[in-house]
């Protein structure tokens, strides 16, 4: 089970985007990276491939290493470490280390 999942709100804690918050758009587990909406923007020079595809200098998000982001807990509204717990019904859930509430 992953500590950071898609649609989680995260805070960037290191690098040039430090202090920015955003929603996780994609998790790349093999590369240990996450794509955060509106964070770590890069510019790419693109040639038009099809009608309607953008050409010129296009800004897009680049993946960040997963160690550079922290999950923001919905209940305590702070960046927190994530733990795991098995509930009484046998389901493994993510847990906020600060307040102890289930994240999922």
C-alpha atoms as a PDB file:
ATOM      1  CA  UNK A   1       0.000   0.000   0.000  1.00  0.00           C
ATOM      2  CA  UNK A   2       1.256   3.472  -0.855  1.00  0.00           C
ATOM      3  CA  UNK A   3       1.611   6.367   1.549  1.00  0.00           C
ATOM      4  CA  UNK A   4       0.702   8.961  -1.124  1.00  0.00           C
ATOM      5  CA  UNK A   5      -2.172   8.288  -3.521  1.00  0.00           C
ATOM      6  CA  UNK A   6      -3.894  10.070  -6.377  1.00  0.00           C
ATOM      7  CA  UNK A   7      -6.143  13.027  -5.387  1.00  0.00           C
ATOM      8  CA  UNK A   8      -4.313  13.513  -2.053  1.00  0.00           C
ATOM      9  CA  UNK A   9      -3.435  17.080  -1.103  1.00  0.00           C
ATOM     10  CA  UNK A  10       0.296  17.374  -0.471  1.00  0.00           C
ATOM     11  CA  UNK A  11       2.813  20.016   0.613  1.00  0.00           C
ATOM     12  CA  UNK A  12       6.213  20.255  -1.100  1.00  0.00           C
ATOM     13  CA  UNK A  13       8.879  20.294   1.634  1.00  0.00           C
ATOM     14  CA  UNK A  14      12.097  20.547  -0.428  1.00  0.00           C
ATOM     15  CA  UNK A  15      13.410  22.041  -3.659  1.00  0.00           C
ATOM     16  CA  UNK A  16      12.521  25.139  -5.621  1.00  0.00           C
ATOM     17  CA  UNK A  17       8.772  24.540  -5.140  1.00  0.00           C
ATOM     18  CA  UNK A  18       9.080  24.359  -1.340  1.00  0.00           C
ATOM     19  CA  UNK A  19       5.958  25.523   0.491  1.00  0.00           C
ATOM     20  CA  UNK A  20       3.551  24.985  -2.398  1.00  0.00           C
ATOM     21  CA  UNK A  21       0.463  22.824  -2.054  1.00  0.00           C
ATOM     22  CA  UNK A  22      -1.336  20.871  -4.708  1.00  0.00           C
ATOM     23  CA  UNK A  23      -3.302  17.782  -5.557  1.00  0.00           C
ATOM     24  CA  UNK A  24      -1.558  14.627  -6.714  1.00  0.00           C
ATOM     25  CA  UNK A  25      -2.515  13.965 -10.336  1.00  0.00           C
ATOM     26  CA  UNK A  26      -0.473  10.818 -10.865  1.00  0.00           C
ATOM     27  CA  UNK A  27       1.751   8.476  -8.850  1.00  0.00           C
ATOM     28  CA  UNK A  28       4.672   6.757 -10.569  1.00  0.00           C
ATOM     29  CA  UNK A  29       5.554   3.986  -8.073  1.00  0.00           C
ATOM     30  CA  UNK A  30       8.351   2.376 -10.119  1.00  0.00           C
ATOM     31  CA  UNK A  31      10.220   5.688 -10.275  1.00  0.00           C
ATOM     32  CA  UNK A  32       9.151   6.756  -6.730  1.00  0.00           C
ATOM     33  CA  UNK A  33       7.767  10.028  -8.112  1.00  0.00           C
ATOM     34  CA  UNK A  34       4.501  11.975  -8.009  1.00  0.00           C
ATOM     35  CA  UNK A  35       2.967  14.511 -10.370  1.00  0.00           C
ATOM     36  CA  UNK A  36       1.481  17.426  -8.396  1.00  0.00           C
ATOM     37  CA  UNK A  37      -0.959  19.833 -10.029  1.00  0.00           C
ATOM     38  CA  UNK A  38       0.527  23.302 -10.561  1.00  0.00           C
ATOM     39  CA  UNK A  39       3.898  22.466  -8.948  1.00  0.00           C
ATOM     40  CA  UNK A  40       7.357  22.028 -10.540  1.00  0.00           C
ATOM     41  CA  UNK A  41       6.368  23.607 -13.850  1.00  0.00           C
ATOM     42  CA  UNK A  42       8.789  23.181 -16.759  1.00  0.00           C
ATOM     43  CA  UNK A  43       8.801  24.543 -20.297  1.00  0.00           C
ATOM     44  CA  UNK A  44       9.020  22.298 -23.328  1.00  0.00           C
ATOM     45  CA  UNK A  45       9.471  23.353 -26.945  1.00  0.00           C
ATOM     46  CA  UNK A  46       6.838  21.373 -28.817  1.00  0.00           C
ATOM     47  CA  UNK A  47       6.259  20.941 -32.532  1.00  0.00           C
ATOM     48  CA  UNK A  48       2.652  20.690 -33.674  1.00  0.00           C
ATOM     49  CA  UNK A  49       1.881  16.994 -34.201  1.00  0.00           C
ATOM     50  CA  UNK A  50      -1.815  17.123 -35.045  1.00  0.00           C
ATOM     51  CA  UNK A  51      -4.410  19.768 -35.744  1.00  0.00           C
ATOM     52  CA  UNK A  52      -5.392  21.342 -32.449  1.00  0.00           C
ATOM     53  CA  UNK A  53      -2.295  20.145 -30.572  1.00  0.00           C
ATOM     54  CA  UNK A  54      -0.380  23.046 -29.015  1.00  0.00           C
ATOM     55  CA  UNK A  55       2.834  24.165 -30.655  1.00  0.00           C
ATOM     56  CA  UNK A  56       5.574  26.447 -29.352  1.00  0.00           C
ATOM     57  CA  UNK A  57       6.684  26.692 -25.743  1.00  0.00           C
ATOM     58  CA  UNK A  58       4.346  24.618 -23.565  1.00  0.00           C
ATOM     59  CA  UNK A  59       4.364  24.678 -19.752  1.00  0.00           C
ATOM     60  CA  UNK A  60       3.651  21.422 -17.961  1.00  0.00           C
ATOM     61  CA  UNK A  61       4.245  19.725 -14.621  1.00  0.00           C
ATOM     62  CA  UNK A  62       7.297  17.562 -14.051  1.00  0.00           C
ATOM     63  CA  UNK A  63       7.310  14.724 -11.510  1.00  0.00           C
ATOM     64  CA  UNK A  64       8.742  15.274  -8.028  1.00  0.00           C
ATOM     65  CA  UNK A  65      10.436  12.645  -5.903  1.00  0.00           C
ATOM     66  CA  UNK A  66       7.981  11.204  -3.400  1.00  0.00           C
ATOM     67  CA  UNK A  67      10.295  12.060  -0.474  1.00  0.00           C
ATOM     68  CA  UNK A  68       9.881  15.777  -1.226  1.00  0.00           C
ATOM     69  CA  UNK A  69       6.149  15.834  -0.453  1.00  0.00           C
ATOM     70  CA  UNK A  70       4.115  15.368   2.729  1.00  0.00           C
ATOM     71  CA  UNK A  71       0.458  14.459   2.932  1.00  0.00           C
ATOM     72  CA  UNK A  72      -1.869  17.123   4.360  1.00  0.00           C
ATOM     73  CA  UNK A  73      -4.324  15.510   6.778  1.00  0.00           C
ATOM     74  CA  UNK A  74      -7.966  16.427   6.146  1.00  0.00           C
ATOM     75  CA  UNK A  75      -8.931  16.334   9.819  1.00  0.00           C
ATOM     76  CA  UNK A  76      -6.043  18.265  11.428  1.00  0.00           C
ATOM     77  CA  UNK A  77      -5.092  20.256   8.280  1.00  0.00           C
ATOM     78  CA  UNK A  78      -1.322  19.862   8.822  1.00  0.00           C
ATOM     79  CA  UNK A  79       1.421  18.134   6.831  1.00  0.00           C
ATOM     80  CA  UNK A  80       1.853  14.758   8.505  1.00  0.00           C
ATOM     81  CA  UNK A  81       3.655  11.461   8.306  1.00  0.00           C
ATOM     82  CA  UNK A  82       1.535   8.493   7.294  1.00  0.00           C
ATOM     83  CA  UNK A  83       1.200   5.219   9.153  1.00  0.00           C
ATOM     84  CA  UNK A  84      -0.876   2.119   8.610  1.00  0.00           C
ATOM     85  CA  UNK A  85      -3.399   0.267  10.742  1.00  0.00           C
ATOM     86  CA  UNK A  86      -5.563  -2.793  10.215  1.00  0.00           C
ATOM     87  CA  UNK A  87      -9.143  -2.091  11.251  1.00  0.00           C
ATOM     88  CA  UNK A  88     -11.256  -4.637  13.095  1.00  0.00           C
ATOM     89  CA  UNK A  89     -12.989  -5.590   9.829  1.00  0.00           C
ATOM     90  CA  UNK A  90      -9.588  -6.570   8.350  1.00  0.00           C
ATOM     91  CA  UNK A  91      -9.084  -3.568   6.041  1.00  0.00           C
ATOM     92  CA  UNK A  92      -5.649  -1.909   6.017  1.00  0.00           C
ATOM     93  CA  UNK A  93      -5.983   1.907   6.129  1.00  0.00           C
ATOM     94  CA  UNK A  94      -3.634   4.891   6.174  1.00  0.00           C
ATOM     95  CA  UNK A  95      -3.460   6.776   9.480  1.00  0.00           C
ATOM     96  CA  UNK A  96      -2.389  10.322  10.318  1.00  0.00           C
ATOM     97  CA  UNK A  97       0.549  10.148  12.762  1.00  0.00           C
ATOM     98  CA  UNK A  98      -0.358  13.507  14.333  1.00  0.00           C
ATOM     99  CA  UNK A  99      -4.061  13.094  15.174  1.00  0.00           C
ATOM    100  CA  UNK A 100      -4.546   9.337  14.746  1.00  0.00           C
ATOM    101  CA  UNK A 101      -7.512   9.651  12.363  1.00  0.00           C
ATOM    102  CA  UNK A 102      -7.929   7.480   9.270  1.00  0.00           C
ATOM    103  CA  UNK A 103      -6.811   9.267   6.095  1.00  0.00           C
ATOM    104  CA  UNK A 104      -8.814   7.049   3.711  1.00  0.00           C
END
